[in-house]
Amino acid sequence: RNEAEQGHAFSRRLARVYWQAGDPSAATRTWRHVMEEIPKLKHGSTQSRWQVAIADKALDPLRDLILLDTRPEHLLRVLEAGTVSTNTYLRRIQNFALGMDWLPCPIVNPRQWPRIRHGERRGITHDEHERIVQREVNPEWRAFFEMWLMGGSQNDVSSLTAEDVDWQGNTISYRRQKTGTPVLFGFGEQMQRLLESLPRQGALFPRIVELHEKHRAKHFHRRCRGLGIQGVSLHSYRYEW
């Protein structure tokens, strides 16, 4: 065992010498540098999510730690103190450092990386949906909740415009903001009546589209809390429909 540990330590020293020879900044590059570089390459909501992710308090022990001085136990302790989000983003941070050639090899091998265990997820029930709609007094918010019967993402639904509606073909078409994938959604009489109550030009939800997604989520959460509904979020509509 001692021989194996000594061999591992020697391999790490050799890798460090090799990496420093080709990259003078390797001796001082910390995880803070890696975390700060990633959001610069992102845009829109993805950039915002990364900015929130790297502010995670669980990552604090790593920020000023030099990459080449990092051992597996350093990452494992962070994962133990963090959440599912910590696990998800720390794996991506390590992969980014590897992709930039800032690390000679993974600190924690992908096979040894702790599994991500999400909490229970469920779709919203029809009864819960009806109670939320009936409780909502603001017409725009009520229509927004009803439009979620499409099963679209929060940003996609809030960004729909009157020009996305084809009244002749009874369809709604748009491109997903996250992936650019085209979406074509056919609607019936119920959705038609809803669409007829919305603006005939420009944004269908002119006030809601201006809100950050976290504020839309908080509004929904307040409605659920007032009705005693637990375990659902706006994303629960996608699980159901």
C-alpha atoms as a PDB file:
ATOM      1  CA  ARG A   1       0.000   0.000   0.000  1.00  0.00           C
ATOM      2  CA  ASN A   2       2.845   2.396   0.907  1.00  0.00           C
ATOM      3  CA  GLU A   3       4.551   1.649  -2.387  1.00  0.00           C
ATOM      4  CA  ALA A   4       1.318   2.357  -4.271  1.00  0.00           C
ATOM      5  CA  GLU A   5       0.848   5.669  -2.435  1.00  0.00           C
ATOM      6  CA  GLN A   6       4.440   6.671  -3.121  1.00  0.00           C
ATOM      7  CA  GLY A   7       4.034   5.783  -6.788  1.00  0.00           C
ATOM      8  CA  HIS A   8       0.848   7.854  -6.981  1.00  0.00           C
ATOM      9  CA  ALA A   9       2.563  10.829  -5.318  1.00  0.00           C
ATOM     10  CA  PHE A  10       5.495  10.546  -7.736  1.00  0.00           C
ATOM     11  CA  SER A  11       3.119  10.451 -10.726  1.00  0.00           C
ATOM     12  CA  ARG A  12       1.394  13.590  -9.493  1.00  0.00           C
ATOM     13  CA  ARG A  13       4.721  15.412  -9.010  1.00  0.00           C
ATOM     14  CA  LEU A  14       5.845  14.344 -12.485  1.00  0.00           C
ATOM     15  CA  ALA A  15       2.578  15.538 -14.019  1.00  0.00           C
ATOM     16  CA  ARG A  16       2.894  18.828 -12.181  1.00  0.00           C
ATOM     17  CA  VAL A  17       6.437  19.431 -13.459  1.00  0.00           C
ATOM     18  CA  TYR A  18       5.369  18.586 -17.002  1.00  0.00           C
ATOM     19  CA  TRP A  19       2.306  20.859 -16.850  1.00  0.00           C
ATOM     20  CA  GLN A  20       4.217  23.788 -15.386  1.00  0.00           C
ATOM     21  CA  ALA A  21       6.828  23.515 -18.110  1.00  0.00           C
ATOM     22  CA  GLY A  22       4.216  24.056 -20.814  1.00  0.00           C
ATOM     23  CA  ASP A  23       1.973  26.422 -18.854  1.00  0.00           C
ATOM     24  CA  PRO A  24       3.702  28.936 -16.557  1.00  0.00           C
ATOM     25  CA  SER A  25       0.353  29.915 -14.970  1.00  0.00           C
ATOM     26  CA  ALA A  26      -0.256  26.347 -13.809  1.00  0.00           C
ATOM     27  CA  ALA A  27       1.618  26.986 -10.551  1.00  0.00           C
ATOM     28  CA  THR A  28      -0.832  29.724  -9.495  1.00  0.00           C
ATOM     29  CA  ARG A  29      -4.114  28.948 -11.294  1.00  0.00           C
ATOM     30  CA  THR A  30      -6.886  28.414  -8.770  1.00  0.00           C
ATOM     31  CA  TRP A  31     -10.437  27.105  -9.000  1.00  0.00           C
ATOM     32  CA  ARG A  32     -11.656  30.683  -8.682  1.00  0.00           C
ATOM     33  CA  HIS A  33     -10.093  31.399 -12.074  1.00  0.00           C
ATOM     34  CA  VAL A  34     -11.869  28.397 -13.613  1.00  0.00           C
ATOM     35  CA  MET A  35     -15.234  29.389 -12.125  1.00  0.00           C
ATOM     36  CA  GLU A  36     -14.915  32.962 -13.338  1.00  0.00           C
ATOM     37  CA  GLU A  37     -14.034  31.945 -16.894  1.00  0.00           C
ATOM     38  CA  ILE A  38     -16.991  29.630 -17.531  1.00  0.00           C
ATOM     39  CA  PRO A  39     -19.825  32.236 -17.412  1.00  0.00           C
ATOM     40  CA  LYS A  40     -17.930  34.411 -19.898  1.00  0.00           C
ATOM     41  CA  LEU A  41     -18.614  31.775 -22.558  1.00  0.00           C
ATOM     42  CA  LYS A  42     -22.342  31.509 -21.759  1.00  0.00           C
ATOM     43  CA  HIS A  43     -25.268  33.685 -22.709  1.00  0.00           C
ATOM     44  CA  GLY A  44     -28.748  34.569 -21.483  1.00  0.00           C
ATOM     45  CA  SER A  45     -30.388  32.327 -18.885  1.00  0.00           C
ATOM     46  CA  THR A  46     -27.523  29.799 -19.087  1.00  0.00           C
ATOM     47  CA  GLN A  47     -25.060  32.491 -18.047  1.00  0.00           C
ATOM     48  CA  SER A  48     -27.356  33.529 -15.183  1.00  0.00           C
ATOM     49  CA  ARG A  49     -27.593  29.933 -13.945  1.00  0.00           C
ATOM     50  CA  TRP A  50     -23.803  29.625 -13.992  1.00  0.00           C
ATOM     51  CA  GLN A  51     -23.405  32.856 -12.040  1.00  0.00           C
ATOM     52  CA  VAL A  52     -25.747  31.501  -9.375  1.00  0.00           C
ATOM     53  CA  ALA A  53     -24.012  28.109  -9.397  1.00  0.00           C
ATOM     54  CA  ILE A  54     -20.488  29.427  -8.829  1.00  0.00           C
ATOM     55  CA  ALA A  55     -21.741  31.565  -5.929  1.00  0.00           C
ATOM     56  CA  ASP A  56     -22.598  28.333  -4.081  1.00  0.00           C
ATOM     57  CA  LYS A  57     -21.155  28.545  -0.543  1.00  0.00           C
ATOM     58  CA  ALA A  58     -20.207  24.874  -0.668  1.00  0.00           C
ATOM     59  CA  LEU A  59     -17.571  25.740  -3.287  1.00  0.00           C
ATOM     60  CA  ASP A  60     -15.798  28.235  -1.014  1.00  0.00           C
ATOM     61  CA  PRO A  61     -13.065  25.793   0.180  1.00  0.00           C
ATOM     62  CA  LEU A  62     -11.969  25.346  -3.432  1.00  0.00           C
ATOM     63  CA  ARG A  63     -11.861  28.930  -4.658  1.00  0.00           C
ATOM     64  CA  ASP A  64      -8.301  29.773  -3.655  1.00  0.00           C
ATOM     65  CA  LEU A  65      -6.959  26.235  -3.957  1.00  0.00           C
ATOM     66  CA  ILE A  66      -4.446  25.753  -6.780  1.00  0.00           C
ATOM     67  CA  LEU A  67      -5.695  23.224  -9.325  1.00  0.00           C
ATOM     68  CA  LEU A  68      -2.497  21.159  -9.301  1.00  0.00           C
ATOM     69  CA  ASP A  69      -2.550  21.024  -5.483  1.00  0.00           C
ATOM     70  CA  THR A  70      -6.069  19.596  -5.435  1.00  0.00           C
ATOM     71  CA  ARG A  71      -6.621  16.055  -4.246  1.00  0.00           C
ATOM     72  CA  PRO A  72      -9.755  13.894  -4.587  1.00  0.00           C
ATOM     73  CA  GLU A  73     -10.693  14.388  -0.936  1.00  0.00           C
ATOM     74  CA  HIS A  74     -10.904  18.149  -1.491  1.00  0.00           C
ATOM     75  CA  LEU A  75     -13.670  17.672  -4.051  1.00  0.00           C
ATOM     76  CA  LEU A  76     -15.382  14.934  -2.060  1.00  0.00           C
ATOM     77  CA  ARG A  77     -15.648  17.140   1.030  1.00  0.00           C
ATOM     78  CA  VAL A  78     -17.238  19.877  -1.089  1.00  0.00           C
ATOM     79  CA  LEU A  79     -19.725  17.390  -2.511  1.00  0.00           C
ATOM     80  CA  GLU A  80     -20.614  16.171   0.978  1.00  0.00           C
ATOM     81  CA  ALA A  81     -21.343  19.729   2.110  1.00  0.00           C
ATOM     82  CA  GLY A  82     -23.220  20.714  -1.047  1.00  0.00           C
ATOM     83  CA  THR A  83     -26.455  19.906  -2.814  1.00  0.00           C
ATOM     84  CA  VAL A  84     -27.513  18.239  -6.050  1.00  0.00           C
ATOM     85  CA  SER A  85     -26.652  21.490  -7.819  1.00  0.00           C
ATOM     86  CA  THR A  86     -23.140  21.431  -6.297  1.00  0.00           C
ATOM     87  CA  ASN A  87     -22.604  17.904  -7.609  1.00  0.00           C
ATOM     88  CA  THR A  88     -23.843  18.819 -11.093  1.00  0.00           C
ATOM     89  CA  TYR A  89     -21.824  22.000 -11.513  1.00  0.00           C
ATOM     90  CA  LEU A  90     -18.612  20.864  -9.825  1.00  0.00           C
ATOM     91  CA  ARG A  91     -18.432  17.982 -12.280  1.00  0.00           C
ATOM     92  CA  ARG A  92     -18.820  20.494 -15.132  1.00  0.00           C
ATOM     93  CA  ILE A  93     -16.196  22.776 -13.603  1.00  0.00           C
ATOM     94  CA  GLN A  94     -13.690  19.917 -13.469  1.00  0.00           C
ATOM     95  CA  ASN A  95     -14.544  18.960 -17.071  1.00  0.00           C
ATOM     96  CA  PHE A  96     -14.052  22.572 -18.182  1.00  0.00           C
ATOM     97  CA  ALA A  97     -10.603  22.653 -16.565  1.00  0.00           C
ATOM     98  CA  LEU A  98      -9.731  19.384 -18.311  1.00  0.00           C
ATOM     99  CA  GLY A  99     -10.983  20.673 -21.641  1.00  0.00           C
ATOM    100  CA  MET A 100      -8.846  23.807 -21.283  1.00  0.00           C
ATOM    101  CA  ASP A 101      -5.757  21.654 -20.497  1.00  0.00           C
ATOM    102  CA  TRP A 102      -5.511  23.233 -17.063  1.00  0.00           C
ATOM    103  CA  LEU A 103      -5.521  19.763 -15.474  1.00  0.00           C
ATOM    104  CA  PRO A 104      -3.420  16.814 -16.670  1.00  0.00           C
ATOM    105  CA  CYS A 105      -6.085  14.291 -15.594  1.00  0.00           C
ATOM    106  CA  PRO A 106      -9.386  14.140 -13.663  1.00  0.00           C
ATOM    107  CA  ILE A 107      -8.993  14.694  -9.930  1.00  0.00           C
ATOM    108  CA  VAL A 108     -11.985  12.469  -9.276  1.00  0.00           C
ATOM    109  CA  ASN A 109     -12.464   9.849 -11.964  1.00  0.00           C
ATOM    110  CA  PRO A 110     -15.964   9.967 -13.539  1.00  0.00           C
ATOM    111  CA  ARG A 111     -16.629   6.394 -12.364  1.00  0.00           C
ATOM    112  CA  GLN A 112     -15.936   7.376  -8.755  1.00  0.00           C
ATOM    113  CA  TRP A 113     -17.967  10.578  -8.923  1.00  0.00           C
ATOM    114  CA  PRO A 114     -20.905  10.398  -6.469  1.00  0.00           C
ATOM    115  CA  ARG A 115     -24.216   9.750  -8.177  1.00  0.00           C
ATOM    116  CA  ILE A 116     -26.644  12.648  -8.483  1.00  0.00           C
ATOM    117  CA  ARG A 117     -29.746  11.872  -6.465  1.00  0.00           C
ATOM    118  CA  HIS A 118     -32.596  14.223  -7.265  1.00  0.00           C
ATOM    119  CA  GLY A 119     -35.505  14.782  -4.932  1.00  0.00           C
ATOM    120  CA  GLU A 120     -38.949  13.516  -5.847  1.00  0.00           C
ATOM    121  CA  ARG A 121     -40.379  15.110  -8.970  1.00  0.00           C
ATOM    122  CA  ARG A 122     -43.992  14.945 -10.020  1.00  0.00           C
ATOM    123  CA  GLY A 123     -46.377  16.543 -12.420  1.00  0.00           C
ATOM    124  CA  ILE A 124     -49.076  18.899 -11.273  1.00  0.00           C
ATOM    125  CA  THR A 125     -52.525  17.326 -11.035  1.00  0.00           C
ATOM    126  CA  HIS A 126     -55.559  18.635 -12.897  1.00  0.00           C
ATOM    127  CA  ASP A 127     -57.261  19.479  -9.585  1.00  0.00           C
ATOM    128  CA  GLU A 128     -54.214  21.479  -8.406  1.00  0.00           C
ATOM    129  CA  HIS A 129     -54.083  23.317 -11.711  1.00  0.00           C
ATOM    130  CA  GLU A 130     -57.773  24.225 -11.516  1.00  0.00           C
ATOM    131  CA  ARG A 131     -57.413  25.504  -7.947  1.00  0.00           C
ATOM    132  CA  ILE A 132     -54.429  27.679  -8.893  1.00  0.00           C
ATOM    133  CA  VAL A 133     -56.254  29.164 -11.899  1.00  0.00           C
ATOM    134  CA  GLN A 134     -59.406  29.864  -9.899  1.00  0.00           C
ATOM    135  CA  ARG A 135     -57.395  31.511  -7.116  1.00  0.00           C
ATOM    136  CA  GLU A 136     -55.506  33.825  -9.523  1.00  0.00           C
ATOM    137  CA  VAL A 137     -57.204  37.234  -9.821  1.00  0.00           C
ATOM    138  CA  ASN A 138     -54.779  38.804 -12.300  1.00  0.00           C
ATOM    139  CA  PRO A 139     -56.036  38.026 -15.857  1.00  0.00           C
ATOM    140  CA  GLU A 140     -52.550  37.888 -17.392  1.00  0.00           C
ATOM    141  CA  TRP A 141     -51.212  35.516 -14.745  1.00  0.00           C
ATOM    142  CA  ARG A 142     -54.339  33.361 -14.972  1.00  0.00           C
ATOM    143  CA  ALA A 143     -53.927  33.073 -18.752  1.00  0.00           C
ATOM    144  CA  PHE A 144     -50.214  32.336 -18.299  1.00  0.00           C
ATOM    145  CA  PHE A 145     -50.992  29.415 -15.978  1.00  0.00           C
ATOM    146  CA  GLU A 146     -53.609  28.083 -18.387  1.00  0.00           C
ATOM    147  CA  MET A 147     -51.175  28.343 -21.298  1.00  0.00           C
ATOM    148  CA  TRP A 148     -48.922  25.928 -19.434  1.00  0.00           C
ATOM    149  CA  LEU A 149     -51.218  23.170 -20.706  1.00  0.00           C
ATOM    150  CA  MET A 150     -48.861  23.302 -23.713  1.00  0.00           C
ATOM    151  CA  GLY A 151     -46.144  21.785 -21.546  1.00  0.00           C
ATOM    152  CA  GLY A 152     -43.618  24.372 -22.722  1.00  0.00           C
ATOM    153  CA  SER A 153     -40.685  25.688 -20.728  1.00  0.00           C
ATOM    154  CA  GLN A 154     -41.162  28.753 -18.548  1.00  0.00           C
ATOM    155  CA  ASN A 155     -39.131  31.057 -20.775  1.00  0.00           C
ATOM    156  CA  ASP A 156     -40.671  29.740 -23.988  1.00  0.00           C
ATOM    157  CA  VAL A 157     -44.271  30.152 -22.820  1.00  0.00           C
ATOM    158  CA  SER A 158     -43.714  33.624 -21.375  1.00  0.00           C
ATOM    159  CA  SER A 159     -42.020  34.738 -24.621  1.00  0.00           C
ATOM    160  CA  LEU A 160     -44.827  33.686 -26.983  1.00  0.00           C
ATOM    161  CA  THR A 161     -46.122  36.384 -29.318  1.00  0.00           C
ATOM    162  CA  ALA A 162     -49.321  36.828 -31.307  1.00  0.00           C
ATOM    163  CA  GLU A 163     -47.266  36.271 -34.443  1.00  0.00           C
ATOM    164  CA  ASP A 164     -46.478  32.729 -33.261  1.00  0.00           C
ATOM    165  CA  VAL A 165     -50.176  31.817 -33.610  1.00  0.00           C
ATOM    166  CA  ASP A 166     -51.483  30.436 -36.907  1.00  0.00           C
ATOM    167  CA  TRP A 167     -55.259  30.895 -36.699  1.00  0.00           C
ATOM    168  CA  GLN A 168     -55.864  29.139 -40.015  1.00  0.00           C
ATOM    169  CA  GLY A 169     -53.965  26.011 -39.063  1.00  0.00           C
ATOM    170  CA  ASN A 170     -54.794  26.166 -35.324  1.00  0.00           C
ATOM    171  CA  THR A 171     -51.130  25.877 -34.393  1.00  0.00           C
ATOM    172  CA  ILE A 172     -48.528  27.713 -32.328  1.00  0.00           C
ATOM    173  CA  SER A 173     -44.956  27.587 -33.608  1.00  0.00           C
ATOM    174  CA  TYR A 174     -41.753  28.871 -32.041  1.00  0.00           C
ATOM    175  CA  ARG A 175     -38.120  27.962 -31.449  1.00  0.00           C
ATOM    176  CA  ARG A 176     -36.965  26.826 -28.052  1.00  0.00           C
ATOM    177  CA  GLN A 177     -34.762  29.484 -26.459  1.00  0.00           C
ATOM    178  CA  LYS A 178     -32.513  26.882 -24.865  1.00  0.00           C
ATOM    179  CA  THR A 179     -31.780  24.739 -27.923  1.00  0.00           C
ATOM    180  CA  GLY A 180     -33.169  26.567 -30.969  1.00  0.00           C
ATOM    181  CA  THR A 181     -35.279  23.487 -31.772  1.00  0.00           C
ATOM    182  CA  PRO A 182     -38.488  24.313 -33.685  1.00  0.00           C
ATOM    183  CA  VAL A 183     -41.750  23.472 -31.895  1.00  0.00           C
ATOM    184  CA  LEU A 184     -45.194  23.098 -33.499  1.00  0.00           C
ATOM    185  CA  PHE A 185     -48.162  22.824 -31.149  1.00  0.00           C
ATOM    186  CA  GLY A 186     -51.706  22.187 -32.321  1.00  0.00           C
ATOM    187  CA  PHE A 187     -54.562  23.612 -30.249  1.00  0.00           C
ATOM    188  CA  GLY A 188     -58.286  22.980 -29.873  1.00  0.00           C
ATOM    189  CA  GLU A 189     -61.310  24.947 -28.729  1.00  0.00           C
ATOM    190  CA  GLN A 190     -60.169  25.419 -25.129  1.00  0.00           C
ATOM    191  CA  MET A 191     -56.821  26.910 -26.152  1.00  0.00           C
ATOM    192  CA  GLN A 192     -58.481  28.934 -28.900  1.00  0.00           C
ATOM    193  CA  ARG A 193     -60.755  30.655 -26.392  1.00  0.00           C
ATOM    194  CA  LEU A 194     -57.738  31.425 -24.234  1.00  0.00           C
ATOM    195  CA  LEU A 195     -55.754  32.849 -27.156  1.00  0.00           C
ATOM    196  CA  GLU A 196     -58.695  35.043 -28.184  1.00  0.00           C
ATOM    197  CA  SER A 197     -58.487  36.755 -24.794  1.00  0.00           C
ATOM    198  CA  LEU A 198     -54.808  37.672 -25.296  1.00  0.00           C
ATOM    199  CA  PRO A 199     -53.205  40.506 -27.322  1.00  0.00           C
ATOM    200  CA  ARG A 200     -53.474  40.166 -31.109  1.00  0.00           C
ATOM    201  CA  GLN A 201     -50.027  41.622 -31.716  1.00  0.00           C
ATOM    202  CA  GLY A 202     -46.737  41.556 -29.867  1.00  0.00           C
ATOM    203  CA  ALA A 203     -46.148  39.593 -26.662  1.00  0.00           C
ATOM    204  CA  LEU A 204     -49.015  37.457 -25.396  1.00  0.00           C
ATOM    205  CA  PHE A 205     -47.864  38.165 -21.828  1.00  0.00           C
ATOM    206  CA  PRO A 206     -46.311  41.651 -22.030  1.00  0.00           C
ATOM    207  CA  ARG A 207     -45.743  42.110 -18.296  1.00  0.00           C
ATOM    208  CA  ILE A 208     -44.766  38.564 -17.414  1.00  0.00           C
ATOM    209  CA  VAL A 209     -42.186  38.277 -20.190  1.00  0.00           C
ATOM    210  CA  GLU A 210     -40.264  41.181 -18.634  1.00  0.00           C
ATOM    211  CA  LEU A 211     -39.865  39.324 -15.330  1.00  0.00           C
ATOM    212  CA  HIS A 212     -36.864  37.194 -14.455  1.00  0.00           C
ATOM    213  CA  GLU A 213     -37.687  33.491 -14.304  1.00  0.00           C
ATOM    214  CA  LYS A 214     -37.045  33.407 -10.551  1.00  0.00           C
ATOM    215  CA  HIS A 215     -39.721  36.053  -9.992  1.00  0.00           C
ATOM    216  CA  ARG A 216     -42.232  34.074 -12.052  1.00  0.00           C
ATOM    217  CA  ALA A 217     -41.351  31.006 -10.006  1.00  0.00           C
ATOM    218  CA  LYS A 218     -41.827  32.922  -6.740  1.00  0.00           C
ATOM    219  CA  HIS A 219     -45.262  34.160  -7.829  1.00  0.00           C
ATOM    220  CA  PHE A 220     -46.316  30.589  -8.607  1.00  0.00           C
ATOM    221  CA  HIS A 221     -44.895  29.369  -5.299  1.00  0.00           C
ATOM    222  CA  ARG A 222     -46.914  31.970  -3.389  1.00  0.00           C
ATOM    223  CA  ARG A 223     -50.105  30.782  -5.101  1.00  0.00           C
ATOM    224  CA  CYS A 224     -49.319  27.173  -4.215  1.00  0.00           C
ATOM    225  CA  ARG A 225     -48.463  28.029  -0.623  1.00  0.00           C
ATOM    226  CA  GLY A 226     -51.741  29.914  -0.197  1.00  0.00           C
ATOM    227  CA  LEU A 227     -53.628  26.835  -1.401  1.00  0.00           C
ATOM    228  CA  GLY A 228     -51.610  24.334   0.644  1.00  0.00           C
ATOM    229  CA  ILE A 229     -50.179  22.721  -2.514  1.00  0.00           C
ATOM    230  CA  GLN A 230     -46.717  21.223  -2.013  1.00  0.00           C
ATOM    231  CA  GLY A 231     -44.124  19.510  -4.163  1.00  0.00           C
ATOM    232  CA  VAL A 232     -44.823  21.308  -7.439  1.00  0.00           C
ATOM    233  CA  SER A 233     -43.212  24.113  -9.430  1.00  0.00           C
ATOM    234  CA  LEU A 234     -43.819  25.683 -12.814  1.00  0.00           C
ATOM    235  CA  HIS A 235     -41.719  22.896 -14.304  1.00  0.00           C
ATOM    236  CA  SER A 236     -44.268  20.396 -12.979  1.00  0.00           C
ATOM    237  CA  TYR A 237     -46.477  21.312 -15.922  1.00  0.00           C
ATOM    238  CA  ARG A 238     -43.873  19.826 -18.265  1.00  0.00           C
ATOM    239  CA  TYR A 239     -43.870  16.593 -16.279  1.00  0.00           C
ATOM    240  CA  GLU A 240     -47.663  16.345 -16.577  1.00  0.00           C
ATOM    241  CA  TRP A 241     -48.339  17.559 -20.102  1.00  0.00           C
END
